[in-house]
PDB file of N, CA and C in Angstrom:
ATOM      1  N   UNK A   1       0.844  -1.169   0.000  1.00  0.00           N
ATOM      2  CA  UNK A   1       0.000   0.000   0.000  1.00  0.00           C
ATOM      3  C   UNK A   1       0.895   1.240   0.000  1.00  0.00           C
ATOM      4  N   UNK A   2       0.543   2.229  -0.767  1.00  0.00           N
ATOM      5  CA  UNK A   2       1.263   3.483  -0.852  1.00  0.00           C
ATOM      6  C   UNK A   2       1.195   4.187   0.496  1.00  0.00           C
ATOM      7  N   UNK A   3       2.264   4.900   0.880  1.00  0.00           N
ATOM      8  CA  UNK A   3       2.301   5.586   2.175  1.00  0.00           C
ATOM      9  C   UNK A   3       1.163   6.590   2.330  1.00  0.00           C
ATOM     10  N   UNK A   4       0.695   7.193   1.224  1.00  0.00           N
ATOM     11  CA  UNK A   4      -0.332   8.215   1.302  1.00  0.00           C
ATOM     12  C   UNK A   4      -1.742   7.654   1.141  1.00  0.00           C
ATOM     13  N   UNK A   5      -1.876   6.363   1.031  1.00  0.00           N
ATOM     14  CA  UNK A   5      -3.186   5.757   0.837  1.00  0.00           C
ATOM     15  C   UNK A   5      -3.942   5.713   2.156  1.00  0.00           C
ATOM     16  N   UNK A   6      -5.121   6.271   2.131  1.00  0.00           N
ATOM     17  CA  UNK A   6      -5.970   6.262   3.316  1.00  0.00           C
ATOM     18  C   UNK A   6      -6.631   4.887   3.460  1.00  0.00           C
ATOM     19  N   UNK A   7      -6.784   4.396   4.697  1.00  0.00           N
ATOM     20  CA  UNK A   7      -7.458   3.104   4.891  1.00  0.00           C
ATOM     21  C   UNK A   7      -8.857   3.075   4.276  1.00  0.00           C
ATOM     22  N   UNK A   8      -9.568   4.205   4.302  1.00  0.00           N
ATOM     23  CA  UNK A   8     -10.906   4.235   3.707  1.00  0.00           C
ATOM     24  C   UNK A   8     -10.842   4.027   2.188  1.00  0.00           C
ATOM     25  N   UNK A   9      -9.773   4.505   1.534  1.00  0.00           N
ATOM     26  CA  UNK A   9      -9.600   4.289   0.097  1.00  0.00           C
ATOM     27  C   UNK A   9      -9.403   2.808  -0.216  1.00  0.00           C
ATOM     28  N   UNK A  10      -8.711   2.107   0.668  1.00  0.00           N
ATOM     29  CA  UNK A  10      -8.502   0.669   0.475  1.00  0.00           C
ATOM     30  C   UNK A  10      -9.838  -0.068   0.569  1.00  0.00           C
ATOM     31  N   UNK A  11     -10.672   0.319   1.517  1.00  0.00           N
ATOM     32  CA  UNK A  11     -11.989  -0.300   1.672  1.00  0.00           C
ATOM     33  C   UNK A  11     -12.839  -0.032   0.426  1.00  0.00           C
ATOM     34  N   UNK A  12     -12.802   1.194  -0.072  1.00  0.00           N
ATOM     35  CA  UNK A  12     -13.555   1.535  -1.285  1.00  0.00           C
ATOM     36  C   UNK A  12     -13.055   0.717  -2.464  1.00  0.00           C
ATOM     37  N   UNK A  13     -11.741   0.605  -2.614  1.00  0.00           N
ATOM     38  CA  UNK A  13     -11.176  -0.173  -3.717  1.00  0.00           C
ATOM     39  C   UNK A  13     -11.611  -1.634  -3.626  1.00  0.00           C
ATOM     40  N   UNK A  14     -11.634  -2.191  -2.420  1.00  0.00           N
ATOM     41  CA  UNK A  14     -12.060  -3.582  -2.255  1.00  0.00           C
ATOM     42  C   UNK A  14     -13.521  -3.758  -2.664  1.00  0.00           C
ATOM     43  N   UNK A  15     -14.352  -2.799  -2.321  1.00  0.00           N
ATOM     44  CA  UNK A  15     -15.770  -2.867  -2.721  1.00  0.00           C
ATOM     45  C   UNK A  15     -15.929  -2.752  -4.232  1.00  0.00           C
ATOM     46  N   UNK A  16     -15.121  -1.898  -4.851  1.00  0.00           N
ATOM     47  CA  UNK A  16     -15.158  -1.784  -6.312  1.00  0.00           C
ATOM     48  C   UNK A  16     -14.720  -3.095  -6.972  1.00  0.00           C
ATOM     49  N   UNK A  17     -13.677  -3.706  -6.419  1.00  0.00           N
ATOM     50  CA  UNK A  17     -13.228  -5.008  -6.938  1.00  0.00           C
ATOM     51  C   UNK A  17     -14.331  -6.055  -6.802  1.00  0.00           C
ATOM     52  N   UNK A  18     -15.022  -6.049  -5.669  1.00  0.00           N
ATOM     53  CA  UNK A  18     -16.126  -6.989  -5.467  1.00  0.00           C
ATOM     54  C   UNK A  18     -17.228  -6.784  -6.508  1.00  0.00           C
ATOM     55  N   UNK A  19     -17.542  -5.525  -6.810  1.00  0.00           N
ATOM     56  CA  UNK A  19     -18.556  -5.244  -7.828  1.00  0.00           C
ATOM     57  C   UNK A  19     -18.113  -5.721  -9.208  1.00  0.00           C
ATOM     58  N   UNK A  20     -16.835  -5.519  -9.511  1.00  0.00           N
ATOM     59  CA  UNK A  20     -16.330  -5.975 -10.809  1.00  0.00           C
ATOM     60  C   UNK A  20     -16.354  -7.500 -10.904  1.00  0.00           C
ATOM     61  N   UNK A  21     -16.097  -8.184  -9.798  1.00  0.00           N
ATOM     62  CA  UNK A  21     -16.186  -9.646  -9.797  1.00  0.00           C
ATOM     63  C   UNK A  21     -17.613 -10.091 -10.099  1.00  0.00           C
ATOM     64  N   UNK A  22     -18.593  -9.362  -9.554  1.00  0.00           N
ATOM     65  CA  UNK A  22     -19.994  -9.683  -9.838  1.00  0.00           C
ATOM     66  C   UNK A  22     -20.331  -9.469 -11.313  1.00  0.00           C
ATOM     67  N   UNK A  23     -19.581  -8.594 -11.971  1.00  0.00           N
ATOM     68  CA  UNK A  23     -19.790  -8.332 -13.397  1.00  0.00           C
ATOM     69  C   UNK A  23     -18.974  -9.272 -14.290  1.00  0.00           C
ATOM     70  N   UNK A  24     -18.316 -10.255 -13.686  1.00  0.00           N
ATOM     71  CA  UNK A  24     -17.637 -11.272 -14.479  1.00  0.00           C
ATOM     72  C   UNK A  24     -16.124 -11.194 -14.524  1.00  0.00           C
ATOM     73  N   UNK A  25     -15.520 -10.232 -13.847  1.00  0.00           N
ATOM     74  CA  UNK A  25     -14.055 -10.138 -13.847  1.00  0.00           C
ATOM     75  C   UNK A  25     -13.468 -11.202 -12.934  1.00  0.00           C
ATOM     76  N   UNK A  26     -12.325 -11.724 -13.332  1.00  0.00           N
ATOM     77  CA  UNK A  26     -11.536 -12.627 -12.497  1.00  0.00           C
ATOM     78  C   UNK A  26     -10.198 -11.940 -12.256  1.00  0.00           C
ATOM     79  N   UNK A  27      -9.751 -11.924 -10.992  1.00  0.00           N
ATOM     80  CA  UNK A  27      -8.530 -11.228 -10.618  1.00  0.00           C
ATOM     81  C   UNK A  27      -7.496 -12.211 -10.100  1.00  0.00           C
ATOM     82  N   UNK A  28      -6.218 -11.856 -10.333  1.00  0.00           N
ATOM     83  CA  UNK A  28      -5.118 -12.658  -9.799  1.00  0.00           C
ATOM     84  C   UNK A  28      -3.902 -11.766  -9.574  1.00  0.00           C
ATOM     85  N   UNK A  29      -3.081 -12.149  -8.600  1.00  0.00           N
ATOM     86  CA  UNK A  29      -1.809 -11.466  -8.364  1.00  0.00           C
ATOM     87  C   UNK A  29      -0.839 -11.919  -9.452  1.00  0.00           C
ATOM     88  N   UNK A  30      -0.110 -10.968 -10.017  1.00  0.00           N
ATOM     89  CA  UNK A  30       0.829 -11.332 -11.084  1.00  0.00           C
ATOM     90  C   UNK A  30       2.279 -11.210 -10.625  1.00  0.00           C
ATOM     91  N   UNK A  31       2.476 -10.955  -9.322  1.00  0.00           N
ATOM     92  CA  UNK A  31       3.797 -10.954  -8.701  1.00  0.00           C
ATOM     93  C   UNK A  31       3.593 -11.323  -7.233  1.00  0.00           C
ATOM     94  N   UNK A  32       4.620 -11.861  -6.599  1.00  0.00           N
ATOM     95  CA  UNK A  32       4.471 -12.295  -5.211  1.00  0.00           C
ATOM     96  C   UNK A  32       4.191 -11.132  -4.251  1.00  0.00           C
ATOM     97  N   UNK A  33       3.612 -11.477  -3.107  1.00  0.00           N
ATOM     98  CA  UNK A  33       3.361 -10.514  -2.042  1.00  0.00           C
ATOM     99  C   UNK A  33       1.936 -10.020  -2.043  1.00  0.00           C
ATOM    100  N   UNK A  34       1.479  -9.634  -0.852  1.00  0.00           N
ATOM    101  CA  UNK A  34       0.098  -9.169  -0.730  1.00  0.00           C
ATOM    102  C   UNK A  34      -0.116  -7.819  -1.407  1.00  0.00           C
ATOM    103  N   UNK A  35       0.947  -7.078  -1.671  1.00  0.00           N
ATOM    104  CA  UNK A  35       0.839  -5.808  -2.386  1.00  0.00           C
ATOM    105  C   UNK A  35       1.334  -5.924  -3.826  1.00  0.00           C
ATOM    106  N   UNK A  36       1.493  -7.162  -4.310  1.00  0.00           N
ATOM    107  CA  UNK A  36       1.933  -7.358  -5.686  1.00  0.00           C
ATOM    108  C   UNK A  36       0.891  -6.873  -6.672  1.00  0.00           C
ATOM    109  N   UNK A  37       1.299  -6.584  -7.893  1.00  0.00           N
ATOM    110  CA  UNK A  37       0.352  -6.113  -8.916  1.00  0.00           C
ATOM    111  C   UNK A  37      -0.809  -7.083  -9.099  1.00  0.00           C
ATOM    112  N   UNK A  38      -1.958  -6.520  -9.404  1.00  0.00           N
ATOM    113  CA  UNK A  38      -3.189  -7.284  -9.570  1.00  0.00           C
ATOM    114  C   UNK A  38      -3.679  -7.105 -10.999  1.00  0.00           C
ATOM    115  N   UNK A  39      -4.094  -8.211 -11.610  1.00  0.00           N
ATOM    116  CA  UNK A  39      -4.636  -8.136 -12.952  1.00  0.00           C
ATOM    117  C   UNK A  39      -6.010  -8.784 -12.966  1.00  0.00           C
ATOM    118  N   UNK A  40      -6.951  -8.116 -13.623  1.00  0.00           N
ATOM    119  CA  UNK A  40      -8.290  -8.655 -13.775  1.00  0.00           C
ATOM    120  C   UNK A  40      -8.658  -8.705 -15.240  1.00  0.00           C
ATOM    121  N   UNK A  41      -9.449  -9.707 -15.607  1.00  0.00           N
ATOM    122  CA  UNK A  41      -9.874  -9.809 -17.003  1.00  0.00           C
ATOM    123  C   UNK A  41     -11.293 -10.357 -17.070  1.00  0.00           C
ATOM    124  N   UNK A  42     -11.946 -10.009 -18.183  1.00  0.00           N
ATOM    125  CA  UNK A  42     -13.299 -10.484 -18.451  1.00  0.00           C
ATOM    126  C   UNK A  42     -13.427 -10.617 -19.961  1.00  0.00           C
ATOM    127  N   UNK A  43     -14.015 -11.728 -20.382  1.00  0.00           N
ATOM    128  CA  UNK A  43     -14.356 -11.918 -21.789  1.00  0.00           C
ATOM    129  C   UNK A  43     -15.870 -11.990 -21.849  1.00  0.00           C
ATOM    130  N   UNK A  44     -16.478 -11.056 -22.566  1.00  0.00           N
ATOM    131  CA  UNK A  44     -17.937 -11.011 -22.662  1.00  0.00           C
ATOM    132  C   UNK A  44     -18.311 -10.514 -24.047  1.00  0.00           C
ATOM    133  N   UNK A  45     -19.218 -11.236 -24.671  1.00  0.00           N
ATOM    134  CA  UNK A  45     -19.637 -10.836 -26.004  1.00  0.00           C
ATOM    135  C   UNK A  45     -18.454 -10.805 -26.940  1.00  0.00           C
ATOM    136  N   UNK A  46     -18.268  -9.713 -27.611  1.00  0.00           N
ATOM    137  CA  UNK A  46     -17.167  -9.577 -28.546  1.00  0.00           C
ATOM    138  C   UNK A  46     -16.015  -8.775 -28.000  1.00  0.00           C
ATOM    139  N   UNK A  47     -15.853  -8.735 -26.664  1.00  0.00           N
ATOM    140  CA  UNK A  47     -14.801  -7.907 -26.065  1.00  0.00           C
ATOM    141  C   UNK A  47     -14.008  -8.656 -25.005  1.00  0.00           C
ATOM    142  N   UNK A  48     -12.767  -8.212 -24.849  1.00  0.00           N
ATOM    143  CA  UNK A  48     -11.917  -8.623 -23.746  1.00  0.00           C
ATOM    144  C   UNK A  48     -11.597  -7.353 -22.967  1.00  0.00           C
ATOM    145  N   UNK A  49     -11.881  -7.360 -21.665  1.00  0.00           N
ATOM    146  CA  UNK A  49     -11.566  -6.231 -20.789  1.00  0.00           C
ATOM    147  C   UNK A  49     -10.429  -6.644 -19.875  1.00  0.00           C
ATOM    148  N   UNK A  50      -9.444  -5.758 -19.704  1.00  0.00           N
ATOM    149  CA  UNK A  50      -8.288  -6.041 -18.862  1.00  0.00           C
ATOM    150  C   UNK A  50      -8.061  -4.874 -17.919  1.00  0.00           C
ATOM    151  N   UNK A  51      -7.784  -5.186 -16.651  1.00  0.00           N
ATOM    152  CA  UNK A  51      -7.439  -4.183 -15.636  1.00  0.00           C
ATOM    153  C   UNK A  51      -6.087  -4.568 -15.059  1.00  0.00           C
ATOM    154  N   UNK A  52      -5.189  -3.582 -14.937  1.00  0.00           N
ATOM    155  CA  UNK A  52      -3.877  -3.806 -14.329  1.00  0.00           C
ATOM    156  C   UNK A  52      -3.696  -2.763 -13.229  1.00  0.00           C
ATOM    157  N   UNK A  53      -3.517  -3.224 -11.983  1.00  0.00           N
ATOM    158  CA  UNK A  53      -3.315  -2.333 -10.835  1.00  0.00           C
ATOM    159  C   UNK A  53      -1.923  -2.586 -10.280  1.00  0.00           C
ATOM    160  N   UNK A  54      -1.011  -1.655 -10.533  1.00  0.00           N
ATOM    161  CA  UNK A  54       0.384  -1.803 -10.114  1.00  0.00           C
ATOM    162  C   UNK A  54       0.593  -1.217  -8.719  1.00  0.00           C
ATOM    163  N   UNK A  55       0.260   0.051  -8.548  1.00  0.00           N
ATOM    164  CA  UNK A  55       0.340   0.742  -7.267  1.00  0.00           C
ATOM    165  C   UNK A  55      -1.014   1.380  -7.013  1.00  0.00           C
ATOM    166  N   UNK A  56      -1.275   1.737  -5.791  1.00  0.00           N
ATOM    167  CA  UNK A  56      -2.617   2.251  -5.496  1.00  0.00           C
ATOM    168  C   UNK A  56      -2.881   3.586  -6.182  1.00  0.00           C
ATOM    169  N   UNK A  57      -1.891   4.458  -6.182  1.00  0.00           N
ATOM    170  CA  UNK A  57      -2.112   5.798  -6.734  1.00  0.00           C
ATOM    171  C   UNK A  57      -1.382   6.028  -8.054  1.00  0.00           C
ATOM    172  N   UNK A  58      -0.798   4.979  -8.620  1.00  0.00           N
ATOM    173  CA  UNK A  58      -0.042   5.154  -9.866  1.00  0.00           C
ATOM    174  C   UNK A  58       0.013   3.843 -10.639  1.00  0.00           C
ATOM    175  N   UNK A  59       0.381   3.960 -11.904  1.00  0.00           N
ATOM    176  CA  UNK A  59       0.637   2.800 -12.767  1.00  0.00           C
ATOM    177  C   UNK A  59      -0.543   1.828 -12.862  1.00  0.00           C
ATOM    178  N   UNK A  60      -1.745   2.362 -12.936  1.00  0.00           N
ATOM    179  CA  UNK A  60      -2.931   1.534 -13.103  1.00  0.00           C
ATOM    180  C   UNK A  60      -3.549   1.867 -14.460  1.00  0.00           C
ATOM    181  N   UNK A  61      -4.042   0.847 -15.143  1.00  0.00           N
ATOM    182  CA  UNK A  61      -4.683   1.091 -16.423  1.00  0.00           C
ATOM    183  C   UNK A  61      -5.687  -0.004 -16.720  1.00  0.00           C
ATOM    184  N   UNK A  62      -6.536   0.266 -17.682  1.00  0.00           N
ATOM    185  CA  UNK A  62      -7.504  -0.728 -18.153  1.00  0.00           C
ATOM    186  C   UNK A  62      -7.778  -0.448 -19.616  1.00  0.00           C
ATOM    187  N   UNK A  63      -8.141  -1.489 -20.348  1.00  0.00           N
ATOM    188  CA  UNK A  63      -8.561  -1.315 -21.727  1.00  0.00           C
ATOM    189  C   UNK A  63      -9.594  -2.357 -22.105  1.00  0.00           C
ATOM    190  N   UNK A  64     -10.397  -1.995 -23.096  1.00  0.00           N
ATOM    191  CA  UNK A  64     -11.390  -2.899 -23.681  1.00  0.00           C
ATOM    192  C   UNK A  64     -11.009  -3.065 -25.144  1.00  0.00           C
ATOM    193  N   UNK A  65     -10.889  -4.315 -25.543  1.00  0.00           N
ATOM    194  CA  UNK A  65     -10.518  -4.619 -26.924  1.00  0.00           C
ATOM    195  C   UNK A  65     -11.561  -5.538 -27.539  1.00  0.00           C
ATOM    196  N   UNK A  66     -11.977  -5.193 -28.749  1.00  0.00           N
ATOM    197  CA  UNK A  66     -12.894  -6.064 -29.477  1.00  0.00           C
ATOM    198  C   UNK A  66     -12.131  -7.309 -29.912  1.00  0.00           C
ATOM    199  N   UNK A  67     -12.800  -8.436 -29.885  1.00  0.00           N
ATOM    200  CA  UNK A  67     -12.200  -9.636 -30.432  1.00  0.00           C
ATOM    201  C   UNK A  67     -12.608  -9.715 -31.890  1.00  0.00           C
ATOM    202  N   UNK A  68     -11.719 -10.198 -32.694  1.00  0.00           N
ATOM    203  CA  UNK A  68     -11.977 -10.263 -34.124  1.00  0.00           C
ATOM    204  C   UNK A  68     -11.087 -11.317 -34.741  1.00  0.00           C
ATOM    205  N   UNK A  69     -11.564 -11.921 -35.798  1.00  0.00           N
ATOM    206  CA  UNK A  69     -10.738 -12.886 -36.506  1.00  0.00           C
ATOM    207  C   UNK A  69      -9.818 -12.177 -37.498  1.00  0.00           C
ATOM    208  N   UNK A  70     -10.016 -10.874 -37.677  1.00  0.00           N
ATOM    209  CA  UNK A  70      -9.163 -10.101 -38.569  1.00  0.00           C
ATOM    210  C   UNK A  70      -7.861  -9.735 -37.879  1.00  0.00           C
ATOM    211  N   UNK A  71      -6.787  -9.689 -38.620  1.00  0.00           N
ATOM    212  CA  UNK A  71      -5.514  -9.238 -38.081  1.00  0.00           C
ATOM    213  C   UNK A  71      -5.396  -7.753 -38.402  1.00  0.00           C
ATOM    214  N   UNK A  72      -5.347  -6.935 -37.346  1.00  0.00           N
ATOM    215  CA  UNK A  72      -5.271  -5.491 -37.508  1.00  0.00           C
ATOM    216  C   UNK A  72      -4.008  -5.007 -36.817  1.00  0.00           C
ATOM    217  N   UNK A  73      -3.087  -4.353 -37.549  1.00  0.00           N
ATOM    218  CA  UNK A  73      -1.865  -3.867 -36.910  1.00  0.00           C
ATOM    219  C   UNK A  73      -2.157  -2.738 -35.928  1.00  0.00           C
ATOM    220  N   UNK A  74      -1.288  -2.593 -34.941  1.00  0.00           N
ATOM    221  CA  UNK A  74      -1.460  -1.526 -33.953  1.00  0.00           C
ATOM    222  C   UNK A  74      -2.561  -1.854 -32.971  1.00  0.00           C
ATOM    223  N   UNK A  75      -3.216  -0.827 -32.477  1.00  0.00           N
ATOM    224  CA  UNK A  75      -4.274  -1.033 -31.492  1.00  0.00           C
ATOM    225  C   UNK A  75      -5.625  -0.678 -32.085  1.00  0.00           C
ATOM    226  N   UNK A  76      -5.858  -1.063 -33.315  1.00  0.00           N
ATOM    227  CA  UNK A  76      -7.095  -0.736 -33.999  1.00  0.00           C
ATOM    228  C   UNK A  76      -8.328  -1.343 -33.382  1.00  0.00           C
ATOM    229  N   UNK A  77      -8.180  -2.384 -32.598  1.00  0.00           N
ATOM    230  CA  UNK A  77      -9.333  -3.027 -31.986  1.00  0.00           C
ATOM    231  C   UNK A  77      -9.650  -2.487 -30.594  1.00  0.00           C
ATOM    232  N   UNK A  78      -8.789  -1.637 -30.034  1.00  0.00           N
ATOM    233  CA  UNK A  78      -9.026  -1.099 -28.694  1.00  0.00           C
ATOM    234  C   UNK A  78     -10.142  -0.072 -28.764  1.00  0.00           C
ATOM    235  N   UNK A  79     -11.213  -0.336 -28.019  1.00  0.00           N
ATOM    236  CA  UNK A  79     -12.369   0.555 -28.001  1.00  0.00           C
ATOM    237  C   UNK A  79     -12.262   1.615 -26.918  1.00  0.00           C
ATOM    238  N   UNK A  80     -11.802   1.212 -25.747  1.00  0.00           N
ATOM    239  CA  UNK A  80     -11.727   2.130 -24.610  1.00  0.00           C
ATOM    240  C   UNK A  80     -10.455   1.861 -23.847  1.00  0.00           C
ATOM    241  N   UNK A  81      -9.958   2.900 -23.216  1.00  0.00           N
ATOM    242  CA  UNK A  81      -8.816   2.743 -22.313  1.00  0.00           C
ATOM    243  C   UNK A  81      -8.850   3.846 -21.278  1.00  0.00           C
ATOM    244  N   UNK A  82      -8.260   3.561 -20.132  1.00  0.00           N
ATOM    245  CA  UNK A  82      -8.180   4.544 -19.057  1.00  0.00           C
ATOM    246  C   UNK A  82      -6.925   4.258 -18.246  1.00  0.00           C
ATOM    247  N   UNK A  83      -6.400   5.275 -17.586  1.00  0.00           N
ATOM    248  CA  UNK A  83      -5.272   5.081 -16.679  1.00  0.00           C
ATOM    249  C   UNK A  83      -5.357   6.104 -15.563  1.00  0.00           C
ATOM    250  N   UNK A  84      -4.592   5.859 -14.511  1.00  0.00           N
ATOM    251  CA  UNK A  84      -4.604   6.751 -13.349  1.00  0.00           C
ATOM    252  C   UNK A  84      -4.489   5.951 -12.072  1.00  0.00           C
ATOM    253  N   UNK A  85      -5.110   6.454 -11.021  1.00  0.00           N
ATOM    254  CA  UNK A  85      -5.074   5.759  -9.735  1.00  0.00           C
ATOM    255  C   UNK A  85      -5.983   4.530  -9.781  1.00  0.00           C
ATOM    256  N   UNK A  86      -5.812   3.653  -8.813  1.00  0.00           N
ATOM    257  CA  UNK A  86      -6.643   2.447  -8.750  1.00  0.00           C
ATOM    258  C   UNK A  86      -8.120   2.806  -8.656  1.00  0.00           C
ATOM    259  N   UNK A  87      -8.463   3.783  -7.820  1.00  0.00           N
ATOM    260  CA  UNK A  87      -9.875   4.161  -7.677  1.00  0.00           C
ATOM    261  C   UNK A  87     -10.432   4.734  -8.975  1.00  0.00           C
ATOM    262  N   UNK A  88      -9.656   5.566  -9.667  1.00  0.00           N
ATOM    263  CA  UNK A  88     -10.115   6.132 -10.936  1.00  0.00           C
ATOM    264  C   UNK A  88     -10.352   5.040 -11.976  1.00  0.00           C
ATOM    265  N   UNK A  89      -9.413   4.115 -12.091  1.00  0.00           N
ATOM    266  CA  UNK A  89      -9.526   3.043 -13.087  1.00  0.00           C
ATOM    267  C   UNK A  89     -10.704   2.129 -12.758  1.00  0.00           C
ATOM    268  N   UNK A  90     -10.830   1.717 -11.504  1.00  0.00           N
ATOM    269  CA  UNK A  90     -11.922   0.818 -11.129  1.00  0.00           C
ATOM    270  C   UNK A  90     -13.286   1.469 -11.327  1.00  0.00           C
ATOM    271  N   UNK A  91     -13.407   2.739 -10.956  1.00  0.00           N
ATOM    272  CA  UNK A  91     -14.672   3.448 -11.162  1.00  0.00           C
ATOM    273  C   UNK A  91     -15.018   3.547 -12.645  1.00  0.00           C
ATOM    274  N   UNK A  92     -14.042   3.828 -13.484  1.00  0.00           N
ATOM    275  CA  UNK A  92     -14.291   3.934 -14.922  1.00  0.00           C
ATOM    276  C   UNK A  92     -14.723   2.592 -15.507  1.00  0.00           C
ATOM    277  N   UNK A  93     -14.036   1.526 -15.142  1.00  0.00           N
ATOM    278  CA  UNK A  93     -14.351   0.215 -15.695  1.00  0.00           C
ATOM    279  C   UNK A  93     -15.758  -0.240 -15.266  1.00  0.00           C
ATOM    280  N   UNK A  94     -16.188   0.166 -14.096  1.00  0.00           N
ATOM    281  CA  UNK A  94     -17.550  -0.173 -13.667  1.00  0.00           C
ATOM    282  C   UNK A  94     -18.614   0.385 -14.609  1.00  0.00           C
ATOM    283  N   UNK A  95     -18.290   1.422 -15.370  1.00  0.00           N
ATOM    284  CA  UNK A  95     -19.248   1.988 -16.320  1.00  0.00           C
ATOM    285  C   UNK A  95     -19.261   1.229 -17.642  1.00  0.00           C
ATOM    286  N   UNK A  96     -18.304   0.316 -17.837  1.00  0.00           N
ATOM    287  CA  UNK A  96     -18.226  -0.455 -19.081  1.00  0.00           C
ATOM    288  C   UNK A  96     -19.179  -1.639 -18.985  1.00  0.00           C
ATOM    289  N   UNK A  97     -20.298  -1.521 -19.594  1.00  0.00           N
ATOM    290  CA  UNK A  97     -21.290  -2.593 -19.582  1.00  0.00           C
ATOM    291  C   UNK A  97     -20.737  -3.811 -20.334  1.00  0.00           C
ATOM    292  N   UNK A  98     -20.939  -5.004 -19.766  1.00  0.00           N
ATOM    293  CA  UNK A  98     -20.540  -6.199 -20.520  1.00  0.00           C
ATOM    294  C   UNK A  98     -21.389  -6.292 -21.781  1.00  0.00           C
ATOM    295  N   UNK A  99     -20.741  -6.615 -22.881  1.00  0.00           N
ATOM    296  CA  UNK A  99     -21.482  -6.740 -24.142  1.00  0.00           C
ATOM    297  C   UNK A  99     -22.119  -8.118 -24.207  1.00  0.00           C
ATOM    298  N   UNK A 100     -23.341  -8.184 -24.720  1.00  0.00           N
ATOM    299  CA  UNK A 100     -24.040  -9.483 -24.799  1.00  0.00           C
ATOM    300  C   UNK A 100     -23.385 -10.427 -25.783  1.00  0.00           C
TER     301      UNK A 100
END
């Protein structure tokens, strides 16, 4: 946890993670330790959503990418992306409705 992270922010982040799990995201630690980076993903409809939480107040991002059988160079399939603090990223991703 970042030195400037308030305990109430951690509780809010945990509740946001719980809501995202209810929306189909699966999360896992991608490095050792209880404060190791966390990655979440969801495949729904024609999209793959990914969340990466490195530090609480920095290095967090998420993106939504359409799945397609076409090969498109670059990031032509990325529909949405966001970055910032963990709370900002989690709040933004909660607005991304799963596609049917």
